[in-house]
Amino acid sequence: LSETEEDLVKAFEEFDTVDAHEHLSPEKVRLEQKVDALTLFSHYTRTDLITAGMSAEIFDRIHDPNIPLEERWRAFSPHLKSIRHGSYARPAFIAAKEFYGFDDIDEGNYKALSERMAAENRPGIYRRVLRDKCKIRVALTQANRTDYDLDLLVPVMPLDTYADLRSRKAIEELAEGLGAKARSLDDYLGLAREGLKRWKSQGVVGIKTASRPYGEPDRGQALALFDSIMRGDEALPELNPLRSYVMEQLLDMAPELGLVVAVHTGMWGDFRELDPKHMIRIIMRHPKTKFDLYHMGMPWVRETGIIGKNFPNVWLNLCWCHIISPTMTRSALDEWVDLVPINKIIAFGGDYGTPVEKVYGHLVMAREDIAKVLGRRIGDGLMTEDEAIYVAERWFHHNPKELYQLDV
């Protein structure tokens, strides 16, 4: 980092941060698990390990605590040299140093690191990592549950809970859970509204979907398919006119209930199916609904920036991006500063589950990326250092706080 960039990072470290996307279960779930050095190579590093040549079966074995640690390390260590310089792996090394005092993770220290991690896996670990170290005031988390300490973790729930109705059994189970009946499609939509209202009362601030090639909403087709399901006919495929129609009804309910619609875009599996451009018509049909587009739409970062520029009901979220590729993130963000009003960008979401320590490593990388982008603009005379700090604080704290109406 340059001197200017280092000064910016130091300023960013003083901010309260809103972590705009995690997959953290309640702390009690983490405490029930046996953790060790290999826990730091779970979650997204799985992708790099498998594409580097590790089988999925071996990956599952190295995270099986019933297998001796030495045996699991022997299976893992040949692959470490292939992934250690990637951005998925860097947060593991940052966490090992900052929380456990180890400058590296290797043959000589993995046992000692594991012992230290096990000793520190005790009540309060979330607060020590997220609040004390990261200065995260609130983390929005998605683990399909609502039983959280709402002072630190605030849930976002899956829209598919109510949109993906492909069988009579699923519909009846949802209705039973809400103490209702769903004999018709309109009955079901009323049930779904009550479900969203219940979530809202439990502290939920958003519902999450994904950018997919959905069809145009057609009530006639939706009615026919709902009736077919309730007659016990064959279950529907994942993408179908009923799902598209119900989803768009839910999108209209969201602003009425004060819920933001978070949207996974880009990266994952056959990412062609997750192109952010699939959302454009949907965004246009729901101008009162607030959409939070995740992951910069990677690799469609320019298209995603244009979507954020053109539509006042769209925000752009850099969650996950800094560990997918810091270089791509910085390049895109530099263009976004040209394109998008600064109140439309959200800087950070760790996107982790079990290895909560890696949230800090990801945040370090995010601060560096933001400092490099804004530092270059300072050097070019396009903004002052005070202006850069103002922009970054909006991105790290104020924008997600205001979008999700967080009481922080």
Protein backbone atom coordinates (compact mmCIF):
# COMPACT_ATOMS: atom_id res chain seq x y z
CA LEU A 1 0.00 0.00 0.00
CA SER A 2 1.10 3.56 -0.64
CA GLU A 3 1.29 6.04 2.22
CA THR A 4 -2.08 7.49 1.21
CA GLU A 5 -3.65 4.03 1.02
CA GLU A 6 -2.25 3.12 4.43
CA ASP A 7 -3.75 6.30 5.88
CA LEU A 8 -7.12 5.39 4.37
CA VAL A 9 -7.01 1.86 5.78
CA LYS A 10 -6.29 3.25 9.24
CA ALA A 11 -9.28 5.55 8.90
CA PHE A 12 -11.50 2.68 7.72
CA GLU A 13 -10.48 0.60 10.75
CA GLU A 14 -12.18 3.20 12.95
CA PHE A 15 -15.55 2.83 11.21
CA ASP A 16 -18.41 0.81 12.57
CA THR A 17 -19.17 -1.60 9.74
CA VAL A 18 -22.38 -3.22 8.56
CA ASP A 19 -21.53 -6.69 7.24
CA ALA A 20 -24.09 -7.00 4.46
CA HIS A 21 -23.98 -10.75 3.88
CA GLU A 22 -23.01 -13.84 5.90
CA HIS A 23 -24.18 -17.44 6.27
CA LEU A 24 -23.60 -17.62 10.02
CA SER A 25 -25.77 -19.86 12.15
CA PRO A 26 -26.31 -18.89 15.80
CA GLU A 27 -23.10 -19.07 17.83
CA LYS A 28 -24.25 -22.21 19.63
CA VAL A 29 -23.98 -24.11 16.33
CA ARG A 30 -20.33 -23.10 15.94
CA LEU A 31 -19.57 -24.04 19.56
CA GLU A 32 -20.99 -27.53 19.04
CA GLN A 33 -18.48 -28.22 16.27
CA LYS A 34 -14.93 -29.47 16.66
CA VAL A 35 -12.67 -26.94 14.96
CA ASP A 36 -9.04 -27.24 13.90
CA ALA A 37 -6.62 -25.80 11.37
CA LEU A 38 -8.51 -27.39 8.51
CA THR A 39 -11.68 -25.51 9.51
CA LEU A 40 -9.94 -22.45 8.07
CA PHE A 41 -9.92 -24.21 4.69
CA SER A 42 -13.63 -25.00 4.62
CA HIS A 43 -16.31 -22.99 2.85
CA TYR A 44 -15.15 -21.28 -0.37
CA THR A 45 -11.65 -22.77 -0.42
CA ARG A 46 -13.49 -26.01 -1.24
CA THR A 47 -13.86 -24.76 -4.82
CA ASP A 48 -10.14 -24.08 -5.25
CA LEU A 49 -9.13 -27.37 -3.63
CA ILE A 50 -11.40 -29.40 -5.89
CA THR A 51 -10.48 -27.56 -9.07
CA ALA A 52 -6.82 -28.05 -8.04
CA GLY A 53 -7.38 -31.81 -8.03
CA MET A 54 -8.78 -32.82 -4.63
CA SER A 55 -11.81 -35.09 -4.89
CA ALA A 56 -15.06 -34.08 -3.22
CA GLU A 57 -14.81 -37.25 -1.15
CA ILE A 58 -11.38 -36.29 0.18
CA PHE A 59 -12.60 -32.78 0.94
CA ASP A 60 -15.41 -34.24 3.06
CA ARG A 61 -12.92 -36.52 4.83
CA ILE A 62 -10.52 -33.73 5.77
CA HIS A 63 -13.38 -32.03 7.61
CA ASP A 64 -14.57 -35.16 9.41
CA PRO A 65 -13.52 -34.72 13.07
CA ASN A 66 -13.88 -38.46 13.65
CA ILE A 67 -10.80 -39.03 11.49
CA PRO A 68 -7.43 -38.32 13.19
CA LEU A 69 -6.10 -34.86 12.43
CA GLU A 70 -2.74 -36.21 11.24
CA GLU A 71 -4.45 -38.36 8.61
CA ARG A 72 -6.60 -35.49 7.42
CA TRP A 73 -3.61 -33.13 7.22
CA ARG A 74 -1.69 -35.66 5.08
CA ALA A 75 -4.60 -35.70 2.62
CA PHE A 76 -4.83 -31.92 2.59
CA SER A 77 -1.24 -30.70 2.59
CA PRO A 78 -0.25 -31.71 -0.98
CA HIS A 79 -2.97 -29.39 -2.28
CA LEU A 80 -2.12 -26.39 -0.10
CA LYS A 81 0.69 -25.19 -2.36
CA SER A 82 -1.79 -25.02 -5.26
CA ILE A 83 -4.23 -22.70 -3.51
CA ARG A 84 -2.25 -20.76 -0.91
CA HIS A 85 -1.68 -17.73 -3.18
CA GLY A 86 -5.34 -17.47 -4.22
CA SER A 87 -7.66 -14.90 -2.72
CA TYR A 88 -9.97 -17.58 -1.27
CA ALA A 89 -7.09 -18.81 0.91
CA ARG A 90 -5.71 -15.48 2.12
CA PRO A 91 -8.33 -14.91 4.86
CA ALA A 92 -7.30 -18.24 6.44
CA PHE A 93 -3.72 -17.05 6.85
CA ILE A 94 -4.82 -13.64 8.11
CA ALA A 95 -7.08 -15.31 10.69
CA ALA A 96 -4.33 -17.69 11.83
CA LYS A 97 -2.05 -14.74 12.52
CA GLU A 98 -4.49 -12.26 14.01
CA PHE A 99 -6.46 -14.60 16.27
CA TYR A 100 -4.03 -17.41 17.04
CA GLY A 101 -0.55 -15.94 16.58
CA PHE A 102 0.73 -18.11 13.71
CA ASP A 103 2.49 -16.48 10.75
CA ASP A 104 1.79 -19.48 8.51
CA ILE A 105 -0.20 -22.72 8.41
CA ASP A 106 2.09 -25.61 7.68
CA GLU A 107 3.37 -29.04 8.69
CA GLY A 108 5.21 -27.62 11.67
CA ASN A 109 2.35 -25.78 13.34
CA TYR A 110 -1.02 -27.19 12.25
CA LYS A 111 -1.35 -29.20 15.47
CA ALA A 112 -0.56 -26.24 17.72
CA LEU A 113 -2.89 -24.04 15.69
CA SER A 114 -5.64 -26.65 16.03
CA GLU A 115 -5.18 -26.79 19.80
CA ARG A 116 -5.38 -23.01 20.05
CA MET A 117 -8.51 -22.88 17.89
CA ALA A 118 -10.21 -25.55 20.00
CA ALA A 119 -9.38 -23.65 23.19
CA GLU A 120 -10.80 -20.40 21.78
CA ASN A 121 -13.99 -22.03 20.49
CA ARG A 122 -15.98 -20.87 23.49
CA PRO A 123 -18.93 -18.58 24.21
CA GLY A 124 -18.40 -15.06 22.96
CA ILE A 125 -16.36 -16.00 19.89
CA TYR A 126 -18.76 -14.21 17.54
CA ARG A 127 -18.55 -11.03 19.57
CA ARG A 128 -14.76 -11.27 19.87
CA VAL A 129 -14.34 -11.72 16.13
CA LEU A 130 -17.15 -9.64 14.66
CA ARG A 131 -17.68 -6.82 17.14
CA ASP A 132 -14.34 -6.45 18.91
CA LYS A 133 -11.92 -7.19 16.07
CA CYS A 134 -13.90 -6.23 12.97
CA LYS A 135 -15.99 -3.41 14.50
CA ILE A 136 -19.02 -4.96 12.80
CA ARG A 137 -22.12 -3.44 14.35
CA VAL A 138 -24.56 -5.75 12.57
CA ALA A 139 -24.13 -8.70 10.21
CA LEU A 140 -26.96 -9.71 7.90
CA THR A 141 -26.98 -13.50 7.86
CA GLN A 142 -28.67 -16.20 5.82
CA ALA A 143 -28.94 -19.65 7.34
CA ASN A 144 -32.69 -20.17 6.83
CA ARG A 145 -33.48 -19.50 10.49
CA THR A 146 -34.48 -16.58 12.70
CA ASP A 147 -33.31 -17.60 16.21
CA TYR A 148 -30.54 -14.99 16.49
CA ASP A 149 -29.25 -12.44 18.93
CA LEU A 150 -30.62 -9.49 16.96
CA ASP A 151 -28.05 -7.16 18.47
CA LEU A 152 -25.34 -8.65 16.24
CA LEU A 153 -26.85 -11.05 13.68
CA VAL A 154 -29.94 -10.06 11.69
CA PRO A 155 -31.60 -12.60 9.38
CA VAL A 156 -32.40 -12.46 5.67
CA MET A 157 -34.65 -15.33 4.61
CA PRO A 158 -35.04 -17.23 1.31
CA LEU A 159 -37.84 -16.06 -0.97
CA ASP A 160 -38.01 -19.62 -2.32
CA THR A 161 -39.59 -20.72 0.96
CA TYR A 162 -42.82 -19.39 -0.53
CA ALA A 163 -42.05 -19.08 -4.26
CA ASP A 164 -40.80 -22.59 -4.99
CA LEU A 165 -44.07 -24.51 -4.62
CA ARG A 166 -43.66 -27.61 -6.75
CA SER A 167 -45.79 -30.17 -4.91
CA ARG A 168 -49.01 -30.43 -2.94
CA LYS A 169 -47.13 -31.77 0.07
CA ALA A 170 -44.88 -28.68 0.23
CA ILE A 171 -47.89 -26.35 0.03
CA GLU A 172 -49.76 -28.22 2.76
CA GLU A 173 -46.72 -28.21 5.05
CA LEU A 174 -46.33 -24.44 4.70
CA ALA A 175 -50.03 -23.93 5.34
CA GLU A 176 -49.96 -26.15 8.41
CA GLY A 177 -46.96 -24.24 9.79
CA LEU A 178 -48.96 -21.02 9.58
CA GLY A 179 -52.23 -22.53 10.80
CA ALA A 180 -53.93 -21.81 7.47
CA LYS A 181 -55.51 -23.49 4.45
CA ALA A 182 -54.44 -23.10 0.83
CA ARG A 183 -57.22 -24.48 -1.36
CA SER A 184 -56.66 -21.87 -4.09
CA LEU A 185 -53.81 -19.79 -5.43
CA ASP A 186 -55.22 -16.68 -3.78
CA ASP A 187 -55.41 -18.58 -0.48
CA TYR A 188 -51.77 -19.43 -0.95
CA LEU A 189 -50.74 -15.84 -1.66
CA GLY A 190 -52.52 -14.75 1.50
CA LEU A 191 -50.65 -17.46 3.38
CA ALA A 192 -47.34 -16.27 1.91
CA ARG A 193 -48.05 -12.70 3.01
CA GLU A 194 -48.66 -13.92 6.56
CA GLY A 195 -45.38 -15.83 6.37
CA LEU A 196 -43.49 -12.69 5.39
CA LYS A 197 -45.21 -10.73 8.15
CA ARG A 198 -44.16 -13.37 10.67
CA TRP A 199 -40.57 -13.13 9.48
CA LYS A 200 -40.70 -9.36 9.81
CA SER A 201 -41.90 -9.68 13.40
CA GLN A 202 -38.91 -11.98 14.06
CA GLY A 203 -36.41 -9.35 12.94
CA VAL A 204 -36.02 -10.34 9.29
CA VAL A 205 -34.99 -7.37 7.12
CA GLY A 206 -34.86 -8.94 3.66
CA ILE A 207 -35.73 -11.87 1.43
CA LYS A 208 -33.25 -13.45 -0.94
CA THR A 209 -33.65 -14.78 -4.45
CA ALA A 210 -31.35 -15.33 -7.44
CA SER A 211 -31.10 -13.85 -10.91
CA ARG A 212 -32.46 -16.58 -13.17
CA PRO A 213 -34.15 -16.74 -16.60
CA TYR A 214 -37.68 -16.48 -15.20
CA GLY A 215 -40.71 -16.28 -17.45
CA GLU A 216 -43.15 -13.39 -17.64
CA PRO A 217 -45.80 -13.57 -14.87
CA ASP A 218 -49.00 -15.14 -16.23
CA ARG A 219 -51.87 -15.52 -13.76
CA GLY A 220 -53.83 -17.88 -16.02
CA GLN A 221 -50.96 -20.32 -16.30
CA ALA A 222 -50.22 -19.99 -12.59
CA LEU A 223 -53.83 -20.80 -11.64
CA ALA A 224 -53.87 -23.87 -13.87
CA LEU A 225 -50.57 -25.19 -12.47
CA PHE A 226 -51.61 -24.57 -8.86
CA ASP A 227 -54.83 -26.48 -9.39
CA SER A 228 -52.86 -29.27 -11.07
CA ILE A 229 -50.52 -29.55 -8.09
CA MET A 230 -53.42 -29.64 -5.64
CA ARG A 231 -54.98 -32.50 -7.61
CA GLY A 232 -51.77 -34.41 -6.92
CA ASP A 233 -50.43 -34.30 -10.46
CA GLU A 234 -46.73 -34.67 -11.20
CA ALA A 235 -44.44 -32.18 -9.43
CA LEU A 236 -43.31 -29.15 -11.41
CA PRO A 237 -39.74 -28.42 -12.59
CA GLU A 238 -37.72 -25.77 -10.77
CA LEU A 239 -38.45 -22.96 -13.24
CA ASN A 240 -42.10 -22.80 -14.19
CA PRO A 241 -44.87 -20.21 -14.71
CA LEU A 242 -46.34 -20.77 -11.24
CA ARG A 243 -43.03 -20.01 -9.56
CA SER A 244 -42.49 -16.90 -11.69
CA TYR A 245 -45.97 -15.56 -10.91
CA VAL A 246 -45.75 -16.20 -7.15
CA MET A 247 -42.26 -14.73 -6.97
CA GLU A 248 -43.42 -11.48 -8.53
CA GLN A 249 -46.37 -11.29 -6.15
CA LEU A 250 -43.90 -11.63 -3.28
CA LEU A 251 -41.74 -8.88 -4.77
CA ASP A 252 -44.75 -6.56 -4.57
CA MET A 253 -45.37 -7.55 -0.95
CA ALA A 254 -41.76 -6.82 0.08
CA PRO A 255 -41.91 -2.99 0.08
CA GLU A 256 -45.29 -3.02 1.82
CA LEU A 257 -43.67 -4.98 4.66
CA GLY A 258 -40.37 -3.09 4.70
CA LEU A 259 -38.30 -5.94 3.27
CA VAL A 260 -35.38 -5.57 0.86
CA VAL A 261 -34.97 -8.14 -1.92
CA ALA A 262 -31.40 -9.46 -2.00
CA VAL A 263 -30.40 -11.11 -5.28
CA HIS A 264 -27.59 -13.57 -5.90
CA THR A 265 -26.04 -12.73 -9.26
CA GLY A 266 -23.12 -14.15 -11.21
CA MET A 267 -20.65 -16.55 -9.57
CA TRP A 268 -21.56 -20.16 -8.79
CA GLY A 269 -21.88 -23.38 -10.77
CA ASP A 270 -23.22 -22.76 -14.25
CA PHE A 271 -22.98 -19.01 -13.73
CA ARG A 272 -24.54 -18.38 -17.15
CA GLU A 273 -27.90 -19.08 -15.49
CA LEU A 274 -27.20 -16.33 -12.92
CA ASP A 275 -26.58 -13.45 -15.31
CA PRO A 276 -27.66 -10.19 -13.57
CA LYS A 277 -29.32 -9.04 -16.79
CA HIS A 278 -32.11 -11.54 -16.10
CA MET A 279 -33.27 -9.11 -13.40
CA ILE A 280 -33.75 -6.05 -15.59
CA ARG A 281 -37.37 -6.68 -16.60
CA ILE A 282 -38.23 -7.72 -13.05
CA ILE A 283 -36.64 -4.57 -11.61
CA MET A 284 -38.63 -2.48 -14.08
CA ARG A 285 -41.92 -4.19 -13.17
CA HIS A 286 -41.41 -3.50 -9.45
CA PRO A 287 -40.25 0.11 -9.11
CA LYS A 288 -41.24 0.33 -5.44
CA THR A 289 -39.22 -2.75 -4.49
CA LYS A 290 -35.63 -2.26 -3.33
CA PHE A 291 -33.19 -4.74 -4.89
CA ASP A 292 -29.73 -5.43 -3.45
CA LEU A 293 -27.67 -7.08 -6.23
CA TYR A 294 -24.97 -9.33 -4.78
CA HIS A 295 -21.42 -10.16 -5.87
CA MET A 296 -21.01 -7.39 -8.46
CA GLY A 297 -22.67 -9.79 -10.89
CA MET A 298 -19.21 -11.32 -11.45
CA PRO A 299 -18.08 -11.73 -14.16
CA TRP A 300 -20.64 -9.26 -15.58
CA VAL A 301 -19.33 -6.36 -13.51
CA ARG A 302 -19.86 -3.68 -16.15
CA GLU A 303 -23.42 -4.76 -16.90
CA THR A 304 -24.18 -4.78 -13.18
CA GLY A 305 -22.77 -1.28 -12.81
CA ILE A 306 -25.04 -0.07 -15.63
CA ILE A 307 -28.05 -1.65 -13.90
CA GLY A 308 -27.16 0.21 -10.70
CA LYS A 309 -26.77 3.43 -12.64
CA ASN A 310 -30.07 3.19 -14.50
CA PHE A 311 -32.52 2.10 -11.79
CA PRO A 312 -33.18 4.05 -8.57
CA ASN A 313 -34.48 0.92 -6.80
CA VAL A 314 -31.20 -1.01 -7.20
CA TRP A 315 -28.20 -1.15 -4.84
CA LEU A 316 -24.89 -2.87 -5.65
CA ASN A 317 -23.31 -5.14 -3.03
CA LEU A 318 -19.64 -6.17 -3.03
CA CYS A 319 -20.22 -9.13 -0.70
CA TRP A 320 -17.94 -12.10 -1.53
CA CYS A 321 -16.19 -10.10 -4.27
CA HIS A 322 -12.96 -9.21 -2.46
CA ILE A 323 -12.10 -12.92 -2.03
CA ILE A 324 -13.25 -13.94 -5.50
CA SER A 325 -10.74 -11.54 -7.05
CA PRO A 326 -9.43 -8.35 -5.46
CA THR A 327 -8.11 -7.25 -8.84
CA MET A 328 -11.45 -7.64 -10.60
CA THR A 329 -13.21 -5.97 -7.67
CA ARG A 330 -10.92 -2.93 -7.73
CA SER A 331 -11.11 -2.59 -11.50
CA ALA A 332 -14.90 -2.73 -11.48
CA LEU A 333 -15.30 -0.47 -8.46
CA ASP A 334 -13.09 2.14 -10.08
CA GLU A 335 -15.52 2.21 -13.00
CA TRP A 336 -18.51 2.19 -10.67
CA VAL A 337 -17.33 5.38 -8.96
CA ASP A 338 -17.67 6.98 -12.40
CA LEU A 339 -21.02 5.35 -13.04
CA VAL A 340 -23.01 4.99 -9.83
CA PRO A 341 -24.01 7.49 -7.11
CA ILE A 342 -22.02 6.73 -3.97
CA ASN A 343 -25.14 6.08 -1.89
CA LYS A 344 -25.92 3.01 -4.04
CA ILE A 345 -22.81 0.90 -3.25
CA ILE A 346 -22.29 -1.49 -0.30
CA ALA A 347 -18.65 -2.32 0.44
CA PHE A 348 -18.60 -5.56 2.37
CA GLY A 349 -20.15 -8.89 3.17
CA GLY A 350 -17.94 -11.74 4.35
CA ASP A 351 -20.19 -14.53 3.04
CA TYR A 352 -18.92 -17.15 5.53
CA GLY A 353 -20.49 -19.88 7.63
CA THR A 354 -18.54 -21.96 10.16
CA PRO A 355 -15.10 -20.25 9.88
CA VAL A 356 -16.20 -16.94 11.41
CA GLU A 357 -12.54 -15.97 11.90
CA LYS A 358 -12.19 -15.54 8.15
CA VAL A 359 -14.66 -12.66 8.19
CA TYR A 360 -11.83 -10.53 9.58
CA GLY A 361 -9.43 -11.64 6.85
CA HIS A 362 -12.00 -10.78 4.20
CA LEU A 363 -12.61 -7.39 5.80
CA VAL A 364 -8.86 -6.64 5.72
CA MET A 365 -8.91 -7.36 1.98
CA ALA A 366 -12.01 -5.21 1.48
CA ARG A 367 -10.42 -2.25 3.25
CA GLU A 368 -7.32 -2.61 1.08
CA ASP A 369 -9.38 -2.72 -2.11
CA ILE A 370 -11.39 0.37 -1.20
CA ALA A 371 -8.23 2.21 -0.15
CA LYS A 372 -6.51 1.43 -3.45
CA VAL A 373 -9.47 2.57 -5.54
CA LEU A 374 -10.04 5.80 -3.63
CA GLY A 375 -6.32 6.39 -3.09
CA ARG A 376 -5.74 6.45 -6.84
CA ARG A 377 -8.45 9.07 -7.19
CA ILE A 378 -6.81 11.17 -4.50
CA GLY A 379 -3.54 10.89 -6.42
CA ASP A 380 -5.27 11.95 -9.62
CA GLY A 381 -6.74 14.99 -7.90
CA LEU A 382 -10.32 13.76 -8.27
CA MET A 383 -11.11 13.81 -4.53
CA THR A 384 -9.52 14.78 -1.25
CA GLU A 385 -8.62 12.35 1.51
CA ASP A 386 -11.54 13.61 3.62
CA GLU A 387 -13.90 13.02 0.69
CA ALA A 388 -12.52 9.50 0.23
CA ILE A 389 -13.12 8.71 3.91
CA TYR A 390 -16.67 10.05 3.63
CA VAL A 391 -17.32 7.83 0.59
CA ALA A 392 -15.88 4.74 2.27
CA GLU A 393 -17.93 5.25 5.44
CA ARG A 394 -21.06 5.43 3.32
CA TRP A 395 -20.10 2.17 1.63
CA PHE A 396 -19.08 0.30 4.78
CA HIS A 397 -21.81 1.55 7.10
CA HIS A 398 -24.35 4.18 6.13
CA ASN A 399 -25.63 2.71 2.84
CA PRO A 400 -26.46 -0.80 4.14
CA LYS A 401 -27.82 0.68 7.36
CA GLU A 402 -30.20 2.95 5.45
CA LEU A 403 -31.19 0.39 2.81
CA TYR A 404 -32.10 -2.29 5.37
CA GLN A 405 -33.47 0.22 7.94
CA LEU A 406 -31.15 -1.16 10.62
CA ASP A 407 -31.47 0.17 14.15
CA VAL A 408 -27.74 0.71 14.75
